[in-house]
C-alpha atoms as a PDB file:
ATOM      1  CA  MET A   1       0.000   0.000   0.000  1.00  0.00           C
ATOM      2  CA  ALA A   2       1.306   3.482  -0.890  1.00  0.00           C
ATOM      3  CA  SER A   3       2.251   5.445   2.205  1.00  0.00           C
ATOM      4  CA  GLY A   4       5.091   7.765   1.199  1.00  0.00           C
ATOM      5  CA  GLY A   5       2.780  10.556   0.037  1.00  0.00           C
ATOM      6  CA  ARG A   6       0.830  11.705  -3.019  1.00  0.00           C
ATOM      7  CA  VAL A   7       2.955  12.914  -5.942  1.00  0.00           C
ATOM      8  CA  LEU A   8       1.767  14.381  -9.241  1.00  0.00           C
ATOM      9  CA  ILE A   9       4.254  14.167 -12.127  1.00  0.00           C
ATOM     10  CA  VAL A  10       3.749  16.830 -14.815  1.00  0.00           C
ATOM     11  CA  GLU A  11       5.955  15.863 -17.752  1.00  0.00           C
ATOM     12  CA  ASP A  12       5.199  15.754 -21.496  1.00  0.00           C
ATOM     13  CA  ASP A  13       7.756  13.026 -22.271  1.00  0.00           C
ATOM     14  CA  ARG A  14       5.733   9.857 -21.730  1.00  0.00           C
ATOM     15  CA  GLU A  15       8.759   7.597 -21.277  1.00  0.00           C
ATOM     16  CA  VAL A  16      10.307   9.859 -18.627  1.00  0.00           C
ATOM     17  CA  ARG A  17       6.957  10.349 -16.905  1.00  0.00           C
ATOM     18  CA  GLU A  18       6.189   6.644 -16.673  1.00  0.00           C
ATOM     19  CA  THR A  19       9.727   5.732 -15.604  1.00  0.00           C
ATOM     20  CA  VAL A  20       9.599   8.205 -12.728  1.00  0.00           C
ATOM     21  CA  ALA A  21       6.074   7.123 -11.815  1.00  0.00           C
ATOM     22  CA  ASP A  22       7.064   3.452 -11.678  1.00  0.00           C
ATOM     23  CA  TYR A  23      10.130   4.237  -9.583  1.00  0.00           C
ATOM     24  CA  LEU A  24       8.279   6.393  -7.040  1.00  0.00           C
ATOM     25  CA  SER A  25       5.410   3.893  -6.869  1.00  0.00           C
ATOM     26  CA  SER A  26       7.893   1.120  -6.097  1.00  0.00           C
ATOM     27  CA  HIS A  27       9.073   3.188  -3.121  1.00  0.00           C
ATOM     28  CA  GLY A  28       5.637   3.571  -1.597  1.00  0.00           C
ATOM     29  CA  TYR A  29       4.298   6.764  -3.174  1.00  0.00           C
ATOM     30  CA  GLU A  30       0.824   7.278  -4.599  1.00  0.00           C
ATOM     31  CA  VAL A  31       1.546   8.695  -8.050  1.00  0.00           C
ATOM     32  CA  ALA A  32      -0.600  10.497 -10.614  1.00  0.00           C
ATOM     33  CA  GLN A  33       0.544  11.687 -14.034  1.00  0.00           C
ATOM     34  CA  ALA A  34      -0.176  14.641 -16.319  1.00  0.00           C
ATOM     35  CA  ALA A  35       1.290  15.614 -19.692  1.00  0.00           C
ATOM     36  CA  ASP A  36       0.441  19.333 -19.578  1.00  0.00           C
ATOM     37  CA  GLY A  37      -1.264  22.083 -17.596  1.00  0.00           C
ATOM     38  CA  VAL A  38      -4.786  21.051 -18.573  1.00  0.00           C
ATOM     39  CA  ALA A  39      -4.216  17.502 -17.389  1.00  0.00           C
ATOM     40  CA  MET A  40      -2.509  18.806 -14.249  1.00  0.00           C
ATOM     41  CA  ARG A  41      -5.562  20.826 -13.233  1.00  0.00           C
ATOM     42  CA  LYS A  42      -7.851  17.849 -13.859  1.00  0.00           C
ATOM     43  CA  ALA A  43      -5.632  15.607 -11.724  1.00  0.00           C
ATOM     44  CA  ILE A  44      -5.606  18.150  -8.884  1.00  0.00           C
ATOM     45  CA  ALA A  45      -9.389  18.483  -9.044  1.00  0.00           C
ATOM     46  CA  GLN A  46      -9.668  14.720  -8.578  1.00  0.00           C
ATOM     47  CA  SER A  47      -7.102  14.371  -5.782  1.00  0.00           C
ATOM     48  CA  MET A  48      -4.863  17.012  -4.205  1.00  0.00           C
ATOM     49  CA  PRO A  49      -1.218  15.912  -4.245  1.00  0.00           C
ATOM     50  CA  GLU A  50       1.276  16.720  -1.512  1.00  0.00           C
ATOM     51  CA  LEU A  51       4.020  17.358  -4.062  1.00  0.00           C
ATOM     52  CA  VAL A  52       4.096  18.272  -7.748  1.00  0.00           C
ATOM     53  CA  LEU A  53       7.124  17.273  -9.816  1.00  0.00           C
ATOM     54  CA  LEU A  54       6.875  19.916 -12.529  1.00  0.00           C
ATOM     55  CA  ASP A  55       8.872  20.028 -15.767  1.00  0.00           C
ATOM     56  CA  VAL A  56       9.741  23.544 -16.933  1.00  0.00           C
ATOM     57  CA  ARG A  57       9.564  22.800 -20.670  1.00  0.00           C
ATOM     58  CA  LEU A  58       5.951  21.867 -21.321  1.00  0.00           C
ATOM     59  CA  PRO A  59       3.729  22.414 -24.367  1.00  0.00           C
ATOM     60  CA  GLY A  60       1.259  25.253 -23.973  1.00  0.00           C
ATOM     61  CA  GLU A  61       1.625  26.708 -20.495  1.00  0.00           C
ATOM     62  CA  ASP A  62       5.178  26.150 -19.350  1.00  0.00           C
ATOM     63  CA  GLY A  63       6.150  24.867 -15.921  1.00  0.00           C
ATOM     64  CA  LEU A  64       7.030  28.302 -14.585  1.00  0.00           C
ATOM     65  CA  ALA A  65       3.532  29.630 -15.278  1.00  0.00           C
ATOM     66  CA  LEU A  66       2.033  26.495 -13.735  1.00  0.00           C
ATOM     67  CA  ALA A  67       4.238  26.872 -10.646  1.00  0.00           C
ATOM     68  CA  ARG A  68       2.872  30.387 -10.158  1.00  0.00           C
ATOM     69  CA  TRP A  69      -0.693  29.112 -10.579  1.00  0.00           C
ATOM     70  CA  LEU A  70      -0.091  26.358  -8.008  1.00  0.00           C
ATOM     71  CA  ARG A  71       1.579  28.615  -5.475  1.00  0.00           C
ATOM     72  CA  GLU A  72      -1.265  31.148  -5.644  1.00  0.00           C
ATOM     73  CA  ARG A  73      -3.951  28.522  -5.022  1.00  0.00           C
ATOM     74  CA  HIS A  74      -2.641  25.453  -3.225  1.00  0.00           C
ATOM     75  CA  PRO A  75      -0.268  24.738  -0.293  1.00  0.00           C
ATOM     76  CA  VAL A  76       1.471  22.029  -2.292  1.00  0.00           C
ATOM     77  CA  ALA A  77       5.214  21.357  -2.435  1.00  0.00           C
ATOM     78  CA  ILE A  78       6.842  21.893  -5.845  1.00  0.00           C
ATOM     79  CA  ILE A  79      10.012  20.451  -7.339  1.00  0.00           C
ATOM     80  CA  MET A  80      10.928  21.980 -10.690  1.00  0.00           C
ATOM     81  CA  VAL A  81      12.638  19.866 -13.345  1.00  0.00           C
ATOM     82  CA  THR A  82      15.001  22.013 -15.425  1.00  0.00           C
ATOM     83  CA  ALA A  83      17.340  21.405 -18.349  1.00  0.00           C
ATOM     84  CA  ALA A  84      20.987  20.945 -17.416  1.00  0.00           C
ATOM     85  CA  GLY A  85      22.709  24.320 -17.152  1.00  0.00           C
ATOM     86  CA  GLU A  86      19.493  26.377 -17.349  1.00  0.00           C
ATOM     87  CA  VAL A  87      20.266  28.649 -14.399  1.00  0.00           C
ATOM     88  CA  ILE A  88      17.625  31.184 -15.428  1.00  0.00           C
ATOM     89  CA  ASP A  89      14.926  28.522 -15.041  1.00  0.00           C
ATOM     90  CA  ARG A  90      16.159  27.785 -11.523  1.00  0.00           C
ATOM     91  CA  VAL A  91      16.155  31.470 -10.612  1.00  0.00           C
ATOM     92  CA  VAL A  92      12.626  32.065 -11.904  1.00  0.00           C
ATOM     93  CA  GLY A  93      11.381  28.791 -10.443  1.00  0.00           C
ATOM     94  CA  LEU A  94      12.591  29.718  -6.976  1.00  0.00           C
ATOM     95  CA  GLU A  95      11.118  33.205  -7.370  1.00  0.00           C
ATOM     96  CA  MET A  96       7.788  31.556  -8.210  1.00  0.00           C
ATOM     97  CA  GLY A  97       7.977  29.627  -4.945  1.00  0.00           C
ATOM     98  CA  ALA A  98       9.378  26.230  -5.917  1.00  0.00           C
ATOM     99  CA  ASP A  99      10.737  24.241  -2.967  1.00  0.00           C
ATOM    100  CA  ASP A 100      13.539  22.584  -4.907  1.00  0.00           C
ATOM    101  CA  TYR A 101      14.711  21.751  -8.411  1.00  0.00           C
ATOM    102  CA  VAL A 102      16.442  18.893 -10.203  1.00  0.00           C
ATOM    103  CA  ALA A 103      18.233  19.070 -13.554  1.00  0.00           C
ATOM    104  CA  LYS A 104      17.825  16.626 -16.416  1.00  0.00           C
ATOM    105  CA  PRO A 105      19.200  14.066 -16.864  1.00  0.00           C
ATOM    106  CA  PHE A 106      18.738  13.127 -13.213  1.00  0.00           C
ATOM    107  CA  ASP A 107      19.528  10.016 -11.240  1.00  0.00           C
ATOM    108  CA  LEU A 108      16.348   8.413  -9.908  1.00  0.00           C
ATOM    109  CA  ARG A 109      17.929   7.877  -6.504  1.00  0.00           C
ATOM    110  CA  GLU A 110      18.756  11.578  -6.246  1.00  0.00           C
ATOM    111  CA  LEU A 111      15.217  12.475  -7.297  1.00  0.00           C
ATOM    112  CA  LEU A 112      13.811  10.165  -4.612  1.00  0.00           C
ATOM    113  CA  ALA A 113      16.029  11.800  -1.980  1.00  0.00           C
ATOM    114  CA  ARG A 114      14.799  15.249  -3.004  1.00  0.00           C
ATOM    115  CA  VAL A 115      11.164  14.121  -2.903  1.00  0.00           C
ATOM    116  CA  LYS A 116      11.657  12.694   0.596  1.00  0.00           C
ATOM    117  CA  SER A 117      13.442  15.836   1.789  1.00  0.00           C
ATOM    118  CA  VAL A 118      10.824  18.262   0.472  1.00  0.00           C
ATOM    119  CA  LEU A 119       7.894  16.234   1.810  1.00  0.00           C
ATOM    120  CA  ARG A 120       9.591  15.895   5.203  1.00  0.00           C
ATOM    121  CA  ARG A 121      10.205  19.627   5.453  1.00  0.00           C
ATOM    122  CA  SER A 122       6.756  20.637   4.208  1.00  0.00           C
ATOM    123  CA  GLY A 123       4.782  18.362   6.553  1.00  0.00           C
ATOM    124  CA  LYS A 124       2.996  20.045   9.463  1.00  0.00           C
ATOM    125  CA  PRO A 125       3.308  18.153  12.747  1.00  0.00           C
ATOM    126  CA  GLU A 126       0.071  16.463  13.779  1.00  0.00           C
ATOM    127  CA  ALA A 127       0.793  17.102  17.456  1.00  0.00           C
ATOM    128  CA  ALA A 128       0.767  20.844  16.856  1.00  0.00           C
ATOM    129  CA  ARG A 129      -2.849  20.998  15.714  1.00  0.00           C
ATOM    130  CA  ALA A 130      -4.127  21.412  19.263  1.00  0.00           C
ATOM    131  CA  GLY A 131      -3.009  23.435  22.252  1.00  0.00           C
ATOM    132  CA  ALA A 132      -0.548  26.297  22.588  1.00  0.00           C
ATOM    133  CA  SER A 133       2.181  26.864  20.007  1.00  0.00           C
ATOM    134  CA  ARG A 134       5.462  28.746  19.875  1.00  0.00           C
ATOM    135  CA  ARG A 135       5.421  32.010  17.921  1.00  0.00           C
ATOM    136  CA  VAL A 136       8.138  34.440  16.906  1.00  0.00           C
ATOM    137  CA  ALA A 137       7.444  37.940  15.599  1.00  0.00           C
ATOM    138  CA  PHE A 138       8.862  38.848  12.199  1.00  0.00           C
ATOM    139  CA  GLY A 139       7.886  42.471  11.764  1.00  0.00           C
ATOM    140  CA  ALA A 140       4.094  42.615  11.874  1.00  0.00           C
ATOM    141  CA  CYS A 141       3.863  38.888  11.143  1.00  0.00           C
ATOM    142  CA  GLN A 142       4.050  35.897  13.479  1.00  0.00           C
ATOM    143  CA  LEU A 143       5.869  32.653  12.705  1.00  0.00           C
ATOM    144  CA  ASP A 144       4.152  29.671  14.326  1.00  0.00           C
ATOM    145  CA  LEU A 145       7.023  27.226  14.803  1.00  0.00           C
ATOM    146  CA  ASP A 146       4.815  24.279  15.702  1.00  0.00           C
ATOM    147  CA  ARG A 147       2.208  24.646  12.988  1.00  0.00           C
ATOM    148  CA  HIS A 148       4.685  25.707  10.285  1.00  0.00           C
ATOM    149  CA  GLN A 149       2.613  28.810   9.522  1.00  0.00           C
ATOM    150  CA  LEU A 150       3.324  32.471   8.899  1.00  0.00           C
ATOM    151  CA  ILE A 151       0.456  34.582  10.214  1.00  0.00           C
ATOM    152  CA  GLY A 152      -0.114  38.058   8.824  1.00  0.00           C
ATOM    153  CA  PRO A 153      -1.008  41.183  10.812  1.00  0.00           C
ATOM    154  CA  GLY A 154      -4.695  40.576  10.143  1.00  0.00           C
ATOM    155  CA  GLY A 155      -4.541  36.929  11.221  1.00  0.00           C
ATOM    156  CA  GLU A 156      -4.361  35.631   7.665  1.00  0.00           C
ATOM    157  CA  ASP A 157      -2.258  32.606   6.742  1.00  0.00           C
ATOM    158  CA  ILE A 158       0.626  33.664   4.485  1.00  0.00           C
ATOM    159  CA  PRO A 159       1.769  30.741   2.294  1.00  0.00           C
ATOM    160  CA  LEU A 160       5.337  29.532   2.833  1.00  0.00           C
ATOM    161  CA  THR A 161       7.376  26.984   0.955  1.00  0.00           C
ATOM    162  CA  ALA A 162       9.196  24.383   3.049  1.00  0.00           C
ATOM    163  CA  MET A 163      12.532  26.117   2.495  1.00  0.00           C
ATOM    164  CA  GLU A 164      11.092  29.537   3.397  1.00  0.00           C
ATOM    165  CA  PHE A 165       9.804  28.141   6.696  1.00  0.00           C
ATOM    166  CA  ASP A 166      13.171  26.530   7.417  1.00  0.00           C
ATOM    167  CA  LEU A 167      14.914  29.856   6.792  1.00  0.00           C
ATOM    168  CA  LEU A 168      12.591  31.749   9.133  1.00  0.00           C
ATOM    169  CA  ARG A 169      13.031  29.065  11.789  1.00  0.00           C
ATOM    170  CA  ALA A 170      16.825  29.352  11.461  1.00  0.00           C
ATOM    171  CA  PHE A 171      16.604  33.112  11.952  1.00  0.00           C
ATOM    172  CA  ALA A 172      14.191  32.697  14.877  1.00  0.00           C
ATOM    173  CA  GLU A 173      16.636  30.347  16.594  1.00  0.00           C
ATOM    174  CA  HIS A 174      19.608  32.673  15.979  1.00  0.00           C
ATOM    175  CA  PRO A 175      18.378  36.266  16.520  1.00  0.00           C
ATOM    176  CA  ASN A 176      20.809  39.183  16.295  1.00  0.00           C
ATOM    177  CA  ARG A 177      23.488  36.945  14.791  1.00  0.00           C
ATOM    178  CA  VAL A 178      24.983  37.244  11.327  1.00  0.00           C
ATOM    179  CA  LEU A 179      24.360  34.032   9.390  1.00  0.00           C
ATOM    180  CA  SER A 180      26.332  33.374   6.225  1.00  0.00           C
ATOM    181  CA  ARG A 181      24.722  31.704   3.230  1.00  0.00           C
ATOM    182  CA  ASP A 182      26.685  28.523   3.953  1.00  0.00           C
ATOM    183  CA  ARG A 183      25.516  28.571   7.572  1.00  0.00           C
ATOM    184  CA  LEU A 184      21.899  29.045   6.495  1.00  0.00           C
ATOM    185  CA  LEU A 185      22.160  26.078   4.131  1.00  0.00           C
ATOM    186  CA  THR A 186      23.515  23.974   6.984  1.00  0.00           C
ATOM    187  CA  LEU A 187      20.837  25.123   9.433  1.00  0.00           C
ATOM    188  CA  THR A 188      18.079  24.376   6.928  1.00  0.00           C
ATOM    189  CA  ARG A 189      19.546  20.936   6.167  1.00  0.00           C
ATOM    190  CA  ASN A 190      20.000  21.845   2.513  1.00  0.00           C
ATOM    191  CA  ARG A 191      23.789  21.782   2.294  1.00  0.00           C
ATOM    192  CA  GLU A 192      23.834  18.604   0.195  1.00  0.00           C
ATOM    193  CA  TRP A 193      21.177  19.848  -2.253  1.00  0.00           C
ATOM    194  CA  GLU A 194      22.045  23.483  -2.908  1.00  0.00           C
ATOM    195  CA  PRO A 195      24.972  24.000  -5.306  1.00  0.00           C
ATOM    196  CA  PHE A 196      23.174  27.066  -6.679  1.00  0.00           C
ATOM    197  CA  ASP A 197      24.684  30.097  -4.913  1.00  0.00           C
ATOM    198  CA  ARG A 198      21.791  32.509  -5.515  1.00  0.00           C
ATOM    199  CA  SER A 199      19.115  30.236  -4.066  1.00  0.00           C
ATOM    200  CA  ILE A 200      19.386  31.756  -0.571  1.00  0.00           C
ATOM    201  CA  ASP A 201      19.277  35.328  -1.892  1.00  0.00           C
ATOM    202  CA  ILE A 202      16.189  34.592  -3.987  1.00  0.00           C
ATOM    203  CA  ARG A 203      14.346  33.042  -1.055  1.00  0.00           C
ATOM    204  CA  ILE A 204      15.301  35.884   1.297  1.00  0.00           C
ATOM    205  CA  ALA A 205      13.917  38.347  -1.263  1.00  0.00           C
ATOM    206  CA  ARG A 206      10.635  36.376  -1.365  1.00  0.00           C
ATOM    207  CA  LEU A 207      10.446  36.347   2.436  1.00  0.00           C
ATOM    208  CA  ARG A 208      11.020  40.094   2.615  1.00  0.00           C
ATOM    209  CA  ARG A 209       8.057  40.661   0.326  1.00  0.00           C
ATOM    210  CA  LYS A 210       5.956  38.726   2.843  1.00  0.00           C
ATOM    211  CA  ILE A 211       7.174  40.141   6.174  1.00  0.00           C
ATOM    212  CA  GLU A 212       8.660  43.585   5.534  1.00  0.00           C
ATOM    213  CA  ASP A 213       6.666  46.817   5.295  1.00  0.00           C
ATOM    214  CA  ASP A 214       9.227  48.031   2.754  1.00  0.00           C
ATOM    215  CA  PRO A 215      11.045  45.045   1.169  1.00  0.00           C
ATOM    216  CA  ASP A 216      13.546  47.371  -0.528  1.00  0.00           C
ATOM    217  CA  ASN A 217      14.569  48.766   2.868  1.00  0.00           C
ATOM    218  CA  PRO A 218      14.270  45.744   5.176  1.00  0.00           C
ATOM    219  CA  ARG A 219      14.236  46.214   8.939  1.00  0.00           C
ATOM    220  CA  THR A 220      13.615  42.619  10.050  1.00  0.00           C
ATOM    221  CA  ILE A 221      16.015  40.541   7.934  1.00  0.00           C
ATOM    222  CA  LYS A 222      18.967  42.741   7.021  1.00  0.00           C
ATOM    223  CA  THR A 223      21.837  42.128   4.639  1.00  0.00           C
ATOM    224  CA  ILE A 224      25.336  42.365   6.077  1.00  0.00           C
ATOM    225  CA  ARG A 225      27.441  43.028   3.001  1.00  0.00           C
ATOM    226  CA  GLY A 226      30.069  40.371   2.436  1.00  0.00           C
ATOM    227  CA  SER A 227      28.899  38.309   5.431  1.00  0.00           C
ATOM    228  CA  GLY A 228      25.272  37.208   5.087  1.00  0.00           C
ATOM    229  CA  TYR A 229      22.017  38.095   6.822  1.00  0.00           C
ATOM    230  CA  ILE A 230      20.854  39.006  10.316  1.00  0.00           C
ATOM    231  CA  PHE A 231      17.385  38.786  11.924  1.00  0.00           C
ATOM    232  CA  ILE A 232      16.560  41.814  14.077  1.00  0.00           C
ATOM    233  CA  PRO A 233      13.633  40.960  16.395  1.00  0.00           C
ATOM    234  CA  LYS A 234      11.021  43.638  16.849  1.00  0.00           C
ATOM    235  CA  GLU A 235      11.480  45.553  20.088  1.00  0.00           C
ATOM    236  CA  LEU A 236       8.488  45.343  22.404  1.00  0.00           C
END
């Protein structure tokens, strides 16, 4: 019986799609398939996945547009599949809110490890659904460490990717301390998966748009030129 989680593979190459589906199914995942954006929406309407493995180069709507559509509507984890060497796709994918990316041609074992990592980080602890929870203020927002939620000033739930939550948690646990990009990758358990130097900067920029009153002049997560970033807690 599948127990690893629900994964939707969006890939127009039938051979690649079915190979990945067979491999993930053999490791306990419930897998659905779609060849394009239309089929992806139909699959989601039938059963909401926990993770979407989304190819960038698709006919019709490309994967980047679909990633934006997903992030605006559903709290689903996203792994983008890019062509080897296509750094621009990785940049835009992360800006759209992808949790991770993998480049073609990929090793199926590496893909499985990324799927496991993203699903592990994006899962919200069952034990935290009741009772008190730990919260840390980020500007006018509140980070609920137990429920993995960012709560806006009006009480609204602000969507976070798994990596964005891990970054905020790292800052919350190390206030008023300069954290280098390498240190942030280590604290978020992404050291082995992040050879892309700009990934931290892109995610910090996304977080600033969510928590800062003026993202261009941040007061909560500040850049320390040549060193990294520092979280300045709001004074009470």
